[in-house]
Amino acid sequence: QVQLVESGGGLVQPGGSLRLSCAASGLTFSLYAMSWYRQAPGKERELVAGISSSGSVTNYVDSVRGRCTISRDSAKNTVYLQMNSLKPEDTAVYYCYARLKSLAYWGQGTQVTVSS
């Protein structure tokens, strides 16, 4: 049974930082491309950042490029999203996503709230 379990969300002031983690189990982690998505209230879910199965290729949505870094640790079957210089508009539920060809899995999400 595949499980993606996110953690690290919370309440942070504007300008602060958070590191999200997504621990994967039940799959061969090194074969999967991993991504972080987010969904704010009343908005569609959007891709925030992605990383290839090897970790050699990353991509970011323009609104977070330069402020966020996605990384993965195959020894721990975990993908991370380091978020710096957080803004109120980063407030959303953040979801972990794993994909290998036609196989795709979502985590349950972790809330990030940026507010003073």
Protein backbone atom coordinates (compact mmCIF):
# COMPACT_ATOMS: atom_id res chain seq x y z
CA GLN A 1 0.00 0.00 0.00
CA VAL A 2 1.47 3.30 -1.11
CA GLN A 3 1.56 6.08 1.44
CA LEU A 4 2.81 9.65 1.12
CA VAL A 5 2.87 11.42 4.46
CA GLU A 6 3.55 15.14 4.55
CA SER A 7 4.75 17.06 7.56
CA GLY A 8 6.31 20.39 8.44
CA GLY A 9 3.43 22.73 7.77
CA GLY A 10 2.24 25.34 10.23
CA LEU A 11 1.77 29.01 10.93
CA VAL A 12 4.66 31.31 10.04
CA GLN A 13 5.07 35.06 9.80
CA PRO A 14 5.73 36.75 6.45
CA GLY A 15 9.39 36.49 5.60
CA GLY A 16 9.77 33.28 7.56
CA SER A 17 10.77 29.80 6.45
CA LEU A 18 9.39 26.29 6.57
CA ARG A 19 10.65 22.93 5.38
CA LEU A 20 8.02 20.48 4.25
CA SER A 21 8.77 16.76 4.19
CA CYS A 22 7.02 13.92 2.41
CA ALA A 23 7.87 10.40 3.51
CA ALA A 24 7.01 7.75 0.94
CA SER A 25 6.40 4.07 1.55
CA GLY A 26 5.07 1.14 -0.42
CA LEU A 27 6.76 2.16 -3.64
CA THR A 28 10.21 2.09 -5.22
CA PHE A 29 10.96 5.71 -4.40
CA SER A 30 13.99 6.06 -6.68
CA LEU A 31 11.83 5.38 -9.76
CA TYR A 32 9.27 8.10 -9.10
CA ALA A 33 9.29 11.72 -10.07
CA MET A 34 8.11 13.73 -7.09
CA SER A 35 6.29 17.02 -6.91
CA TRP A 36 4.73 19.46 -4.51
CA TYR A 37 1.36 21.00 -5.31
CA ARG A 38 -0.68 23.49 -3.34
CA GLN A 39 -4.30 24.54 -3.17
CA ALA A 40 -5.49 27.77 -1.65
CA PRO A 41 -9.13 28.29 -0.64
CA GLY A 42 -11.29 28.89 -3.69
CA LYS A 43 -8.44 28.20 -6.10
CA GLU A 44 -7.37 25.29 -8.24
CA ARG A 45 -4.54 23.03 -7.20
CA GLU A 46 -1.28 24.19 -8.76
CA LEU A 47 2.16 22.70 -9.23
CA VAL A 48 4.74 24.36 -6.99
CA ALA A 49 7.89 22.35 -7.68
CA GLY A 50 8.97 19.04 -9.18
CA ILE A 51 12.05 16.86 -9.13
CA SER A 52 12.99 14.01 -11.41
CA SER A 53 13.50 10.46 -10.19
CA SER A 54 17.27 10.92 -10.26
CA GLY A 55 17.11 14.32 -8.61
CA SER A 56 19.04 15.90 -11.45
CA VAL A 57 16.18 17.97 -12.85
CA THR A 58 13.98 20.37 -10.92
CA ASN A 59 11.32 22.84 -11.93
CA TYR A 60 9.40 25.57 -10.13
CA VAL A 61 6.37 27.72 -10.67
CA ASP A 62 7.44 31.30 -11.31
CA SER A 63 5.88 32.60 -8.11
CA VAL A 64 8.23 30.53 -5.90
CA ARG A 65 11.38 30.32 -8.02
CA GLY A 66 14.31 31.68 -6.03
CA ARG A 67 12.47 31.25 -2.73
CA CYS A 68 11.89 27.50 -2.67
CA THR A 69 14.09 24.46 -3.15
CA ILE A 70 12.90 20.92 -3.79
CA SER A 71 15.19 18.03 -2.94
CA ARG A 72 15.03 14.31 -2.32
CA ASP A 73 16.82 11.77 -0.17
CA SER A 74 16.54 8.27 -1.57
CA ALA A 75 18.06 6.75 1.55
CA LYS A 76 15.12 8.12 3.54
CA ASN A 77 12.48 7.84 0.78
CA THR A 78 11.69 11.47 1.44
CA VAL A 79 11.19 14.58 -0.65
CA TYR A 80 11.54 18.04 0.82
CA LEU A 81 10.40 21.54 -0.01
CA GLN A 82 12.41 24.29 1.64
CA MET A 83 10.42 27.51 1.53
CA ASN A 84 12.00 30.85 2.38
CA SER A 85 10.81 34.45 2.34
CA LEU A 86 7.25 33.23 2.71
CA LYS A 87 4.40 35.51 1.68
CA PRO A 88 0.73 35.53 2.68
CA GLU A 89 -0.11 34.36 -0.84
CA ASP A 90 1.82 31.14 -0.13
CA THR A 91 -0.95 30.16 2.29
CA ALA A 92 -2.42 26.86 1.08
CA VAL A 93 -2.62 23.16 1.69
CA TYR A 94 0.55 21.60 0.27
CA TYR A 95 0.35 18.14 -1.27
CA CYS A 96 3.04 15.65 -2.16
CA TYR A 97 2.64 13.82 -5.49
CA ALA A 98 4.48 10.79 -6.84
CA ARG A 99 4.34 9.73 -10.47
CA LEU A 100 5.77 6.91 -12.56
CA LYS A 101 4.24 6.65 -16.03
CA SER A 102 0.55 5.86 -15.42
CA LEU A 103 0.96 5.38 -11.67
CA ALA A 104 0.27 8.42 -9.52
CA TYR A 105 -0.28 8.96 -5.82
CA TRP A 106 -1.20 11.89 -3.59
CA GLY A 107 -0.50 12.64 0.02
CA GLN A 108 -3.14 13.94 2.40
CA GLY A 109 -1.72 17.45 2.52
CA THR A 110 -0.24 19.76 5.12
CA GLN A 111 -1.49 23.27 5.88
CA VAL A 112 0.83 26.23 5.49
CA THR A 113 -0.44 29.56 6.79
CA VAL A 114 1.59 32.73 6.36
CA SER A 115 0.23 35.49 8.53
CA SER A 116 1.32 38.09 11.03
